């Protein structure tokens, strides 16, 4: 289980409710572009409406907080 208390708060957008929300309960995901081979770093949180909200984060933020 992740220790969410150490994670910084991030703002996400709930596309179902069309409102933003702030949370420190998120996990990191990475995706590699098959064409350019570059990594993209995401923070994924559960939105109040129950869907997953994805947000792009910098590589430095990912490495500092993973």
N, C-alpha and C. Protein backbone atom coordinates (compact mmCIF):
# COMPACT_ATOMS: atom_id res chain seq x y z
N UNK A 1 0.85 -1.19 0.00
CA UNK A 1 0.00 0.00 0.00
C UNK A 1 0.88 1.24 0.00
N UNK A 2 0.50 2.19 -0.80
CA UNK A 2 1.25 3.44 -0.92
C UNK A 2 1.05 4.28 0.34
N UNK A 3 2.08 5.03 0.71
CA UNK A 3 1.95 5.99 1.81
C UNK A 3 1.61 7.34 1.20
N UNK A 4 0.32 7.63 1.12
CA UNK A 4 -0.15 8.84 0.45
C UNK A 4 0.18 10.12 1.21
N UNK A 5 0.46 10.01 2.49
CA UNK A 5 0.72 11.21 3.28
C UNK A 5 2.00 11.90 2.86
N UNK A 6 2.92 11.16 2.26
CA UNK A 6 4.18 11.75 1.82
C UNK A 6 4.07 12.35 0.41
N UNK A 7 3.01 12.02 -0.31
CA UNK A 7 2.84 12.51 -1.67
C UNK A 7 2.35 13.96 -1.66
N UNK A 8 2.85 14.79 -2.57
CA UNK A 8 2.35 16.16 -2.66
C UNK A 8 0.94 16.17 -3.26
N UNK A 9 0.19 17.22 -3.00
CA UNK A 9 -1.15 17.34 -3.56
C UNK A 9 -1.05 17.80 -5.01
N UNK A 10 -1.85 17.19 -5.86
CA UNK A 10 -1.90 17.56 -7.27
C UNK A 10 -3.34 17.87 -7.66
N UNK A 11 -3.48 18.75 -8.64
CA UNK A 11 -4.80 19.07 -9.17
C UNK A 11 -5.08 18.18 -10.37
N UNK A 12 -6.28 17.61 -10.40
CA UNK A 12 -6.75 16.78 -11.50
C UNK A 12 -8.07 17.36 -11.99
N UNK A 13 -8.53 16.87 -13.13
CA UNK A 13 -9.80 17.32 -13.70
C UNK A 13 -10.70 16.11 -13.90
N UNK A 14 -11.90 16.18 -13.34
CA UNK A 14 -12.90 15.13 -13.48
C UNK A 14 -13.74 15.45 -14.72
N UNK A 15 -13.52 14.71 -15.81
CA UNK A 15 -14.21 15.02 -17.07
C UNK A 15 -15.69 14.66 -17.02
N UNK A 16 -16.09 13.76 -16.14
CA UNK A 16 -17.49 13.38 -16.04
C UNK A 16 -18.31 14.48 -15.35
N UNK A 17 -17.76 15.04 -14.27
CA UNK A 17 -18.45 16.12 -13.55
C UNK A 17 -18.04 17.51 -14.04
N UNK A 18 -17.02 17.56 -14.90
CA UNK A 18 -16.50 18.82 -15.45
C UNK A 18 -16.05 19.78 -14.35
N UNK A 19 -15.34 19.23 -13.37
CA UNK A 19 -14.81 20.03 -12.27
C UNK A 19 -13.43 19.52 -11.89
N UNK A 20 -12.62 20.41 -11.39
CA UNK A 20 -11.31 20.03 -10.90
C UNK A 20 -11.38 19.54 -9.47
N UNK A 21 -10.37 18.78 -9.07
CA UNK A 21 -10.26 18.33 -7.68
C UNK A 21 -8.79 18.17 -7.34
N UNK A 22 -8.49 18.23 -6.06
CA UNK A 22 -7.12 18.11 -5.57
C UNK A 22 -7.02 16.88 -4.67
N UNK A 23 -5.94 16.12 -4.84
CA UNK A 23 -5.74 14.92 -4.03
C UNK A 23 -4.25 14.59 -3.94
N UNK A 24 -3.92 13.85 -2.90
CA UNK A 24 -2.57 13.31 -2.81
C UNK A 24 -2.60 11.78 -2.94
N UNK A 25 -3.75 11.22 -3.28
CA UNK A 25 -3.90 9.78 -3.47
C UNK A 25 -3.86 9.47 -4.96
N UNK A 26 -2.66 9.20 -5.45
CA UNK A 26 -2.50 8.87 -6.86
C UNK A 26 -1.33 7.91 -7.01
N UNK A 27 -1.28 7.26 -8.15
CA UNK A 27 -0.18 6.36 -8.49
C UNK A 27 0.45 6.85 -9.79
N UNK A 28 1.71 6.48 -9.98
CA UNK A 28 2.42 6.86 -11.19
C UNK A 28 2.33 5.75 -12.23
N UNK A 29 2.14 6.16 -13.48
CA UNK A 29 2.14 5.24 -14.62
C UNK A 29 3.08 5.83 -15.67
N UNK A 30 3.71 4.97 -16.45
CA UNK A 30 4.56 5.43 -17.54
C UNK A 30 4.10 4.77 -18.83
N UNK A 31 4.24 5.49 -19.91
CA UNK A 31 3.93 4.97 -21.23
C UNK A 31 5.05 5.37 -22.18
N UNK A 32 5.43 4.45 -23.04
CA UNK A 32 6.47 4.73 -24.04
C UNK A 32 5.81 4.90 -25.40
N UNK A 33 6.17 5.97 -26.10
CA UNK A 33 5.69 6.20 -27.45
C UNK A 33 6.42 5.22 -28.37
N UNK A 34 5.70 4.35 -29.07
CA UNK A 34 6.39 3.34 -29.88
C UNK A 34 7.15 3.93 -31.07
N UNK A 35 6.73 5.07 -31.52
CA UNK A 35 7.39 5.67 -32.68
C UNK A 35 8.67 6.40 -32.30
N UNK A 36 8.60 7.23 -31.25
CA UNK A 36 9.76 8.04 -30.87
C UNK A 36 10.56 7.44 -29.73
N UNK A 37 10.02 6.42 -29.07
CA UNK A 37 10.68 5.73 -27.93
C UNK A 37 10.82 6.63 -26.70
N UNK A 38 10.09 7.72 -26.63
CA UNK A 38 10.15 8.62 -25.47
C UNK A 38 9.15 8.18 -24.42
N UNK A 39 9.53 8.34 -23.16
CA UNK A 39 8.66 8.00 -22.04
C UNK A 39 7.80 9.21 -21.68
N UNK A 40 6.54 8.95 -21.34
CA UNK A 40 5.64 9.97 -20.81
C UNK A 40 5.23 9.50 -19.42
N UNK A 41 5.26 10.41 -18.47
CA UNK A 41 4.98 10.10 -17.07
C UNK A 41 3.62 10.67 -16.67
N UNK A 42 2.81 9.86 -16.00
CA UNK A 42 1.47 10.26 -15.61
C UNK A 42 1.25 10.02 -14.12
N UNK A 43 0.37 10.83 -13.54
CA UNK A 43 -0.18 10.56 -12.22
C UNK A 43 -1.64 10.21 -12.45
N UNK A 44 -2.11 9.12 -11.85
CA UNK A 44 -3.48 8.64 -12.05
C UNK A 44 -4.19 8.60 -10.71
N UNK A 45 -5.35 9.29 -10.65
CA UNK A 45 -6.13 9.35 -9.40
C UNK A 45 -7.57 8.95 -9.69
N UNK A 46 -8.26 8.50 -8.66
CA UNK A 46 -9.69 8.22 -8.78
C UNK A 46 -10.44 9.52 -8.56
N UNK A 47 -11.27 9.87 -9.53
CA UNK A 47 -12.05 11.11 -9.46
C UNK A 47 -13.27 10.89 -8.56
N UNK A 48 -13.88 11.97 -8.06
CA UNK A 48 -15.08 11.83 -7.23
C UNK A 48 -16.23 11.11 -7.95
N UNK A 49 -16.28 11.19 -9.27
CA UNK A 49 -17.35 10.52 -10.02
C UNK A 49 -17.09 9.03 -10.19
N UNK A 50 -15.88 8.56 -9.82
CA UNK A 50 -15.57 7.14 -9.89
C UNK A 50 -14.69 6.74 -11.07
N UNK A 51 -14.40 7.66 -11.97
CA UNK A 51 -13.54 7.33 -13.10
C UNK A 51 -12.09 7.66 -12.76
N UNK A 52 -11.16 7.19 -13.59
CA UNK A 52 -9.75 7.51 -13.38
C UNK A 52 -9.41 8.80 -14.11
N UNK A 53 -8.68 9.66 -13.43
CA UNK A 53 -8.21 10.90 -14.04
C UNK A 53 -6.70 10.81 -14.19
N UNK A 54 -6.21 11.11 -15.39
CA UNK A 54 -4.79 11.05 -15.69
C UNK A 54 -4.26 12.45 -15.84
N UNK A 55 -3.05 12.67 -15.38
CA UNK A 55 -2.39 13.96 -15.50
C UNK A 55 -0.92 13.71 -15.85
N UNK A 56 -0.41 14.45 -16.82
CA UNK A 56 1.00 14.33 -17.19
C UNK A 56 1.83 15.05 -16.14
N UNK A 57 2.92 14.41 -15.71
CA UNK A 57 3.86 15.02 -14.77
C UNK A 57 5.25 14.99 -15.40
N UNK A 58 6.12 15.82 -14.88
CA UNK A 58 7.49 15.88 -15.41
C UNK A 58 8.30 14.67 -14.95
N UNK A 59 9.36 14.42 -15.67
CA UNK A 59 10.25 13.32 -15.32
C UNK A 59 10.89 13.57 -13.95
N UNK A 60 11.27 14.82 -13.67
CA UNK A 60 11.87 15.16 -12.38
C UNK A 60 10.89 14.90 -11.23
N UNK A 61 9.63 15.29 -11.41
CA UNK A 61 8.61 15.07 -10.39
C UNK A 61 8.40 13.58 -10.16
N UNK A 62 8.37 12.82 -11.24
CA UNK A 62 8.20 11.36 -11.16
C UNK A 62 9.36 10.73 -10.38
N UNK A 63 10.58 11.08 -10.75
CA UNK A 63 11.75 10.49 -10.09
C UNK A 63 11.87 10.90 -8.63
N UNK A 64 11.46 12.10 -8.30
CA UNK A 64 11.54 12.60 -6.92
C UNK A 64 10.52 11.93 -6.01
N UNK A 65 9.35 11.58 -6.54
CA UNK A 65 8.23 11.10 -5.71
C UNK A 65 7.85 9.64 -5.90
N UNK A 66 8.53 8.91 -6.77
CA UNK A 66 8.11 7.51 -7.00
C UNK A 66 8.43 6.60 -5.85
